[in-house]
Amino acid sequence: ETCPLTVVQTRDELSKGLPVSIASPYGIAYVYEGLIVDIGFTAVPICAPLPSKWTIINGLSEEPVVKLTGYENT
């Protein structure tokens, strides 16, 4: 990728990662299983389009992959 659009989890236990925001279109205070939410980094790479939300891409590997919007298959 010329722009880092893949969302991954590090195995480094000391890494705190990057801050994310979780928002519900329903404006509720609590997140529960099955709720539709938007997840995104609070600071996105300069090359990523805005708004930059997480999306699931099927068909790239055996399991779905999480990418930022702007990936050609989103």
PDB file of N, CA and C in Angstrom:
ATOM      1  N   GLU A   1       0.836  -1.185   0.000  1.00  0.00           N
ATOM      2  CA  GLU A   1       0.000   0.000   0.000  1.00  0.00           C
ATOM      3  C   GLU A   1       0.879   1.247   0.000  1.00  0.00           C
ATOM      4  N   THR A   2       0.567   2.205  -0.828  1.00  0.00           N
ATOM      5  CA  THR A   2       1.310   3.467  -0.822  1.00  0.00           C
ATOM      6  C   THR A   2       0.883   4.342   0.344  1.00  0.00           C
ATOM      7  N   CYS A   3      -0.304   4.105   0.872  1.00  0.00           N
ATOM      8  CA  CYS A   3      -0.804   4.791   2.064  1.00  0.00           C
ATOM      9  C   CYS A   3      -1.206   3.704   3.059  1.00  0.00           C
ATOM     10  N   PRO A   4      -0.813   3.818   4.337  1.00  0.00           N
ATOM     11  CA  PRO A   4      -1.147   2.763   5.304  1.00  0.00           C
ATOM     12  C   PRO A   4      -2.636   2.736   5.629  1.00  0.00           C
ATOM     13  N   LEU A   5      -3.376   1.879   4.944  1.00  0.00           N
ATOM     14  CA  LEU A   5      -4.823   1.798   5.128  1.00  0.00           C
ATOM     15  C   LEU A   5      -5.262   0.560   5.901  1.00  0.00           C
ATOM     16  N   THR A   6      -4.342  -0.377   6.167  1.00  0.00           N
ATOM     17  CA  THR A   6      -4.696  -1.591   6.880  1.00  0.00           C
ATOM     18  C   THR A   6      -4.624  -1.365   8.382  1.00  0.00           C
ATOM     19  N   VAL A   7      -5.648  -1.817   9.103  1.00  0.00           N
ATOM     20  CA  VAL A   7      -5.676  -1.719  10.561  1.00  0.00           C
ATOM     21  C   VAL A   7      -5.175  -3.048  11.112  1.00  0.00           C
ATOM     22  N   VAL A   8      -4.111  -3.016  11.908  1.00  0.00           N
ATOM     23  CA  VAL A   8      -3.527  -4.238  12.458  1.00  0.00           C
ATOM     24  C   VAL A   8      -3.329  -4.094  13.963  1.00  0.00           C
ATOM     25  N   GLN A   9      -3.142  -5.230  14.627  1.00  0.00           N
ATOM     26  CA  GLN A   9      -2.858  -5.243  16.051  1.00  0.00           C
ATOM     27  C   GLN A   9      -1.422  -5.692  16.243  1.00  0.00           C
ATOM     28  N   THR A  10      -0.658  -4.935  17.029  1.00  0.00           N
ATOM     29  CA  THR A  10       0.728  -5.282  17.284  1.00  0.00           C
ATOM     30  C   THR A  10       0.822  -6.334  18.381  1.00  0.00           C
ATOM     31  N   ARG A  11       1.893  -7.095  18.360  1.00  0.00           N
ATOM     32  CA  ARG A  11       2.139  -8.078  19.418  1.00  0.00           C
ATOM     33  C   ARG A  11       2.967  -7.476  20.548  1.00  0.00           C
ATOM     34  N   ASP A  12       3.393  -6.236  20.385  1.00  0.00           N
ATOM     35  CA  ASP A  12       4.203  -5.548  21.386  1.00  0.00           C
ATOM     36  C   ASP A  12       3.313  -5.111  22.547  1.00  0.00           C
ATOM     37  N   GLU A  13       3.485  -5.731  23.711  1.00  0.00           N
ATOM     38  CA  GLU A  13       2.655  -5.423  24.872  1.00  0.00           C
ATOM     39  C   GLU A  13       2.894  -4.015  25.410  1.00  0.00           C
ATOM     40  N   LEU A  14       4.022  -3.396  25.059  1.00  0.00           N
ATOM     41  CA  LEU A  14       4.330  -2.052  25.543  1.00  0.00           C
ATOM     42  C   LEU A  14       3.735  -0.964  24.655  1.00  0.00           C
ATOM     43  N   SER A  15       3.309  -1.327  23.463  1.00  0.00           N
ATOM     44  CA  SER A  15       2.739  -0.352  22.540  1.00  0.00           C
ATOM     45  C   SER A  15       1.300  -0.053  22.924  1.00  0.00           C
ATOM     46  N   LYS A  16       0.988   1.224  23.079  1.00  0.00           N
ATOM     47  CA  LYS A  16      -0.376   1.624  23.422  1.00  0.00           C
ATOM     48  C   LYS A  16      -1.214   1.874  22.176  1.00  0.00           C
ATOM     49  N   GLY A  17      -0.608   1.826  21.005  1.00  0.00           N
ATOM     50  CA  GLY A  17      -1.355   2.018  19.772  1.00  0.00           C
ATOM     51  C   GLY A  17      -1.734   3.462  19.538  1.00  0.00           C
ATOM     52  N   LEU A  18      -2.701   3.664  18.660  1.00  0.00           N
ATOM     53  CA  LEU A  18      -3.168   5.000  18.307  1.00  0.00           C
ATOM     54  C   LEU A  18      -4.582   5.207  18.841  1.00  0.00           C
ATOM     55  N   PRO A  19      -4.921   6.441  19.222  1.00  0.00           N
ATOM     56  CA  PRO A  19      -6.272   6.690  19.738  1.00  0.00           C
ATOM     57  C   PRO A  19      -7.329   6.565  18.645  1.00  0.00           C
ATOM     58  N   VAL A  20      -8.478   6.017  19.039  1.00  0.00           N
ATOM     59  CA  VAL A  20      -9.605   5.865  18.122  1.00  0.00           C
ATOM     60  C   VAL A  20     -10.844   6.523  18.712  1.00  0.00           C
ATOM     61  N   SER A  21     -11.793   6.799  17.842  1.00  0.00           N
ATOM     62  CA  SER A  21     -13.094   7.283  18.299  1.00  0.00           C
ATOM     63  C   SER A  21     -14.139   6.249  17.898  1.00  0.00           C
ATOM     64  N   ILE A  22     -15.114   6.057  18.776  1.00  0.00           N
ATOM     65  CA  ILE A  22     -16.228   5.154  18.515  1.00  0.00           C
ATOM     66  C   ILE A  22     -17.492   5.986  18.610  1.00  0.00           C
ATOM     67  N   ALA A  23     -18.273   6.006  17.541  1.00  0.00           N
ATOM     68  CA  ALA A  23     -19.481   6.829  17.514  1.00  0.00           C
ATOM     69  C   ALA A  23     -20.667   5.993  17.046  1.00  0.00           C
ATOM     70  N   SER A  24     -21.804   6.262  17.628  1.00  0.00           N
ATOM     71  CA  SER A  24     -23.041   5.594  17.240  1.00  0.00           C
ATOM     72  C   SER A  24     -23.943   6.594  16.531  1.00  0.00           C
ATOM     73  N   PRO A  25     -24.545   6.205  15.414  1.00  0.00           N
ATOM     74  CA  PRO A  25     -25.468   7.125  14.748  1.00  0.00           C
ATOM     75  C   PRO A  25     -26.719   7.385  15.591  1.00  0.00           C
ATOM     76  N   TYR A  26     -26.910   6.594  16.643  1.00  0.00           N
ATOM     77  CA  TYR A  26     -28.078   6.748  17.505  1.00  0.00           C
ATOM     78  C   TYR A  26     -27.815   7.678  18.684  1.00  0.00           C
ATOM     79  N   GLY A  27     -26.574   8.125  18.859  1.00  0.00           N
ATOM     80  CA  GLY A  27     -26.238   9.065  19.920  1.00  0.00           C
ATOM     81  C   GLY A  27     -26.413   8.502  21.320  1.00  0.00           C
ATOM     82  N   ILE A  28     -26.122   7.215  21.507  1.00  0.00           N
ATOM     83  CA  ILE A  28     -26.262   6.620  22.832  1.00  0.00           C
ATOM     84  C   ILE A  28     -24.915   6.557  23.532  1.00  0.00           C
ATOM     85  N   ALA A  29     -24.933   6.415  24.848  1.00  0.00           N
ATOM     86  CA  ALA A  29     -23.707   6.466  25.640  1.00  0.00           C
ATOM     87  C   ALA A  29     -23.017   5.113  25.784  1.00  0.00           C
ATOM     88  N   TYR A  30     -23.715   4.018  25.596  1.00  0.00           N
ATOM     89  CA  TYR A  30     -23.141   2.699  25.828  1.00  0.00           C
ATOM     90  C   TYR A  30     -23.128   1.884  24.543  1.00  0.00           C
ATOM     91  N   VAL A  31     -22.021   1.165  24.340  1.00  0.00           N
ATOM     92  CA  VAL A  31     -21.864   0.314  23.166  1.00  0.00           C
ATOM     93  C   VAL A  31     -22.139  -1.124  23.595  1.00  0.00           C
ATOM     94  N   TYR A  32     -22.978  -1.810  22.870  1.00  0.00           N
ATOM     95  CA  TYR A  32     -23.275  -3.202  23.175  1.00  0.00           C
ATOM     96  C   TYR A  32     -23.116  -4.029  21.903  1.00  0.00           C
ATOM     97  N   GLU A  33     -23.014  -5.335  22.065  1.00  0.00           N
ATOM     98  CA  GLU A  33     -22.820  -6.236  20.930  1.00  0.00           C
ATOM     99  C   GLU A  33     -23.979  -6.116  19.950  1.00  0.00           C
ATOM    100  N   GLY A  34     -23.657  -6.001  18.681  1.00  0.00           N
ATOM    101  CA  GLY A  34     -24.665  -5.895  17.637  1.00  0.00           C
ATOM    102  C   GLY A  34     -25.019  -4.465  17.267  1.00  0.00           C
ATOM    103  N   LEU A  35     -24.539  -3.493  18.038  1.00  0.00           N
ATOM    104  CA  LEU A  35     -24.823  -2.085  17.758  1.00  0.00           C
ATOM    105  C   LEU A  35     -24.023  -1.622  16.541  1.00  0.00           C
ATOM    106  N   ILE A  36     -24.627  -0.869  15.667  1.00  0.00           N
ATOM    107  CA  ILE A  36     -23.919  -0.294  14.524  1.00  0.00           C
ATOM    108  C   ILE A  36     -23.126   0.908  15.017  1.00  0.00           C
ATOM    109  N   VAL A  37     -21.812   0.889  14.791  1.00  0.00           N
ATOM    110  CA  VAL A  37     -20.949   1.989  15.219  1.00  0.00           C
ATOM    111  C   VAL A  37     -19.981   2.353  14.105  1.00  0.00           C
ATOM    112  N   ASP A  38     -19.462   3.568  14.173  1.00  0.00           N
ATOM    113  CA  ASP A  38     -18.366   4.009  13.311  1.00  0.00           C
ATOM    114  C   ASP A  38     -17.119   4.045  14.170  1.00  0.00           C
ATOM    115  N   ILE A  39     -16.035   3.416  13.697  1.00  0.00           N
ATOM    116  CA  ILE A  39     -14.761   3.417  14.403  1.00  0.00           C
ATOM    117  C   ILE A  39     -13.737   4.046  13.483  1.00  0.00           C
ATOM    118  N   GLY A  40     -12.920   4.928  14.025  1.00  0.00           N
ATOM    119  CA  GLY A  40     -11.888   5.570  13.224  1.00  0.00           C
ATOM    120  C   GLY A  40     -10.774   6.104  14.091  1.00  0.00           C
ATOM    121  N   PHE A  41      -9.609   6.295  13.505  1.00  0.00           N
ATOM    122  CA  PHE A  41      -8.496   6.901  14.225  1.00  0.00           C
ATOM    123  C   PHE A  41      -8.781   8.378  14.428  1.00  0.00           C
ATOM    124  N   THR A  42      -8.350   8.932  15.564  1.00  0.00           N
ATOM    125  CA  THR A  42      -8.538  10.362  15.784  1.00  0.00           C
ATOM    126  C   THR A  42      -7.541  11.172  14.960  1.00  0.00           C
ATOM    127  N   ALA A  43      -6.383  10.590  14.661  1.00  0.00           N
ATOM    128  CA  ALA A  43      -5.404  11.214  13.766  1.00  0.00           C
ATOM    129  C   ALA A  43      -5.120  10.214  12.649  1.00  0.00           C
ATOM    130  N   VAL A  44      -5.410  10.581  11.423  1.00  0.00           N
ATOM    131  CA  VAL A  44      -5.255   9.655  10.297  1.00  0.00           C
ATOM    132  C   VAL A  44      -4.036  10.033   9.460  1.00  0.00           C
ATOM    133  N   PRO A  45      -3.482   9.077   8.694  1.00  0.00           N
ATOM    134  CA  PRO A  45      -2.374   9.410   7.805  1.00  0.00           C
ATOM    135  C   PRO A  45      -2.784  10.511   6.827  1.00  0.00           C
ATOM    136  N   ILE A  46      -1.866  11.369   6.483  1.00  0.00           N
ATOM    137  CA  ILE A  46      -2.145  12.486   5.574  1.00  0.00           C
ATOM    138  C   ILE A  46      -2.694  11.990   4.240  1.00  0.00           C
ATOM    139  N   CYS A  47      -2.246  10.831   3.790  1.00  0.00           N
ATOM    140  CA  CYS A  47      -2.671  10.312   2.487  1.00  0.00           C
ATOM    141  C   CYS A  47      -4.055   9.666   2.523  1.00  0.00           C
ATOM    142  N   ALA A  48      -4.629   9.440   3.698  1.00  0.00           N
ATOM    143  CA  ALA A  48      -5.947   8.799   3.799  1.00  0.00           C
ATOM    144  C   ALA A  48      -7.052   9.828   3.592  1.00  0.00           C
ATOM    145  N   PRO A  49      -8.121   9.444   2.911  1.00  0.00           N
ATOM    146  CA  PRO A  49      -9.232  10.375   2.702  1.00  0.00           C
ATOM    147  C   PRO A  49      -9.994  10.622   4.005  1.00  0.00           C
ATOM    148  N   LEU A  50     -10.651  11.748   4.085  1.00  0.00           N
ATOM    149  CA  LEU A  50     -11.467  12.081   5.257  1.00  0.00           C
ATOM    150  C   LEU A  50     -12.933  12.081   4.869  1.00  0.00           C
ATOM    151  N   PRO A  51     -13.868  11.673   5.688  1.00  0.00           N
ATOM    152  CA  PRO A  51     -13.600  11.075   6.994  1.00  0.00           C
ATOM    153  C   PRO A  51     -13.002   9.687   6.817  1.00  0.00           C
ATOM    154  N   SER A  52     -12.166   9.300   7.737  1.00  0.00           N
ATOM    155  CA  SER A  52     -11.458   8.031   7.643  1.00  0.00           C
ATOM    156  C   SER A  52     -12.022   7.059   8.670  1.00  0.00           C
ATOM    157  N   LYS A  53     -12.931   6.220   8.227  1.00  0.00           N
ATOM    158  CA  LYS A  53     -13.568   5.242   9.110  1.00  0.00           C
ATOM    159  C   LYS A  53     -13.040   3.851   8.801  1.00  0.00           C
ATOM    160  N   TRP A  54     -13.172   2.952   9.749  1.00  0.00           N
ATOM    161  CA  TRP A  54     -12.787   1.563   9.539  1.00  0.00           C
ATOM    162  C   TRP A  54     -13.894   0.849   8.773  1.00  0.00           C
ATOM    163  N   THR A  55     -13.502  -0.054   7.890  1.00  0.00           N
ATOM    164  CA  THR A  55     -14.474  -0.844   7.141  1.00  0.00           C
ATOM    165  C   THR A  55     -13.925  -2.257   6.956  1.00  0.00           C
ATOM    166  N   ILE A  56     -14.795  -3.218   6.839  1.00  0.00           N
ATOM    167  CA  ILE A  56     -14.387  -4.616   6.675  1.00  0.00           C
ATOM    168  C   ILE A  56     -14.356  -4.961   5.194  1.00  0.00           C
ATOM    169  N   ILE A  57     -13.251  -5.566   4.769  1.00  0.00           N
ATOM    170  CA  ILE A  57     -13.064  -5.977   3.377  1.00  0.00           C
ATOM    171  C   ILE A  57     -13.053  -7.500   3.341  1.00  0.00           C
ATOM    172  N   ASN A  58     -13.911  -8.085   2.556  1.00  0.00           N
ATOM    173  CA  ASN A  58     -13.949  -9.538   2.397  1.00  0.00           C
ATOM    174  C   ASN A  58     -13.228  -9.937   1.119  1.00  0.00           C
ATOM    175  N   GLY A  59     -12.668 -11.138   1.110  1.00  0.00           N
ATOM    176  CA  GLY A  59     -12.107 -11.690  -0.108  1.00  0.00           C
ATOM    177  C   GLY A  59     -10.623 -11.458  -0.318  1.00  0.00           C
ATOM    178  N   LEU A  60      -9.933 -10.770   0.599  1.00  0.00           N
ATOM    179  CA  LEU A  60      -8.496 -10.566   0.431  1.00  0.00           C
ATOM    180  C   LEU A  60      -7.691 -11.709   1.028  1.00  0.00           C
ATOM    181  N   SER A  61      -8.240 -12.374   2.002  1.00  0.00           N
ATOM    182  CA  SER A  61      -7.571 -13.500   2.644  1.00  0.00           C
ATOM    183  C   SER A  61      -8.650 -14.431   3.171  1.00  0.00           C
ATOM    184  N   GLU A  62      -8.249 -15.383   3.990  1.00  0.00           N
ATOM    185  CA  GLU A  62      -9.216 -16.341   4.518  1.00  0.00           C
ATOM    186  C   GLU A  62     -10.198 -15.684   5.475  1.00  0.00           C
ATOM    187  N   GLU A  63      -9.783 -14.620   6.138  1.00  0.00           N
ATOM    188  CA  GLU A  63     -10.649 -13.913   7.071  1.00  0.00           C
ATOM    189  C   GLU A  63     -10.826 -12.477   6.595  1.00  0.00           C
ATOM    190  N   PRO A  64     -11.902 -11.818   7.003  1.00  0.00           N
ATOM    191  CA  PRO A  64     -12.079 -10.406   6.633  1.00  0.00           C
ATOM    192  C   PRO A  64     -10.924  -9.550   7.157  1.00  0.00           C
ATOM    193  N   VAL A  65     -10.610  -8.490   6.445  1.00  0.00           N
ATOM    194  CA  VAL A  65      -9.537  -7.566   6.797  1.00  0.00           C
ATOM    195  C   VAL A  65     -10.162  -6.213   7.107  1.00  0.00           C
ATOM    196  N   VAL A  66      -9.604  -5.499   8.090  1.00  0.00           N
ATOM    197  CA  VAL A  66     -10.097  -4.163   8.424  1.00  0.00           C
ATOM    198  C   VAL A  66      -9.196  -3.138   7.750  1.00  0.00           C
ATOM    199  N   LYS A  67      -9.802  -2.232   6.983  1.00  0.00           N
ATOM    200  CA  LYS A  67      -9.076  -1.175   6.274  1.00  0.00           C
ATOM    201  C   LYS A  67      -9.713   0.165   6.592  1.00  0.00           C
ATOM    202  N   LEU A  68      -8.969   1.238   6.330  1.00  0.00           N
ATOM    203  CA  LEU A  68      -9.542   2.573   6.401  1.00  0.00           C
ATOM    204  C   LEU A  68     -10.293   2.837   5.109  1.00  0.00           C
ATOM    205  N   THR A  69     -11.320   3.677   5.157  1.00  0.00           N
ATOM    206  CA  THR A  69     -12.008   4.037   3.920  1.00  0.00           C
ATOM    207  C   THR A  69     -10.993   4.644   2.966  1.00  0.00           C
ATOM    208  N   GLY A  70     -11.209   4.461   1.700  1.00  0.00           N
ATOM    209  CA  GLY A  70     -10.253   4.923   0.703  1.00  0.00           C
ATOM    210  C   GLY A  70      -9.576   3.765   0.005  1.00  0.00           C
ATOM    211  N   TYR A  71      -9.627   2.580   0.614  1.00  0.00           N
ATOM    212  CA  TYR A  71      -9.120   1.390  -0.046  1.00  0.00           C
ATOM    213  C   TYR A  71     -10.019   1.112  -1.240  1.00  0.00           C
ATOM    214  N   GLU A  72      -9.465   0.654  -2.333  1.00  0.00           N
ATOM    215  CA  GLU A  72     -10.230   0.534  -3.579  1.00  0.00           C
ATOM    216  C   GLU A  72     -11.446  -0.384  -3.485  1.00  0.00           C
ATOM    217  N   ASN A  73     -11.497  -1.315  -2.541  1.00  0.00           N
ATOM    218  CA  ASN A  73     -12.640  -2.228  -2.444  1.00  0.00           C
ATOM    219  C   ASN A  73     -13.635  -1.848  -1.358  1.00  0.00           C
ATOM    220  N   THR A  74     -13.560  -0.643  -0.787  1.00  0.00           N
ATOM    221  CA  THR A  74     -14.489  -0.287   0.295  1.00  0.00           C
ATOM    222  C   THR A  74     -15.793   0.209  -0.260  1.00  0.00           C
TER     223      THR A  74
END
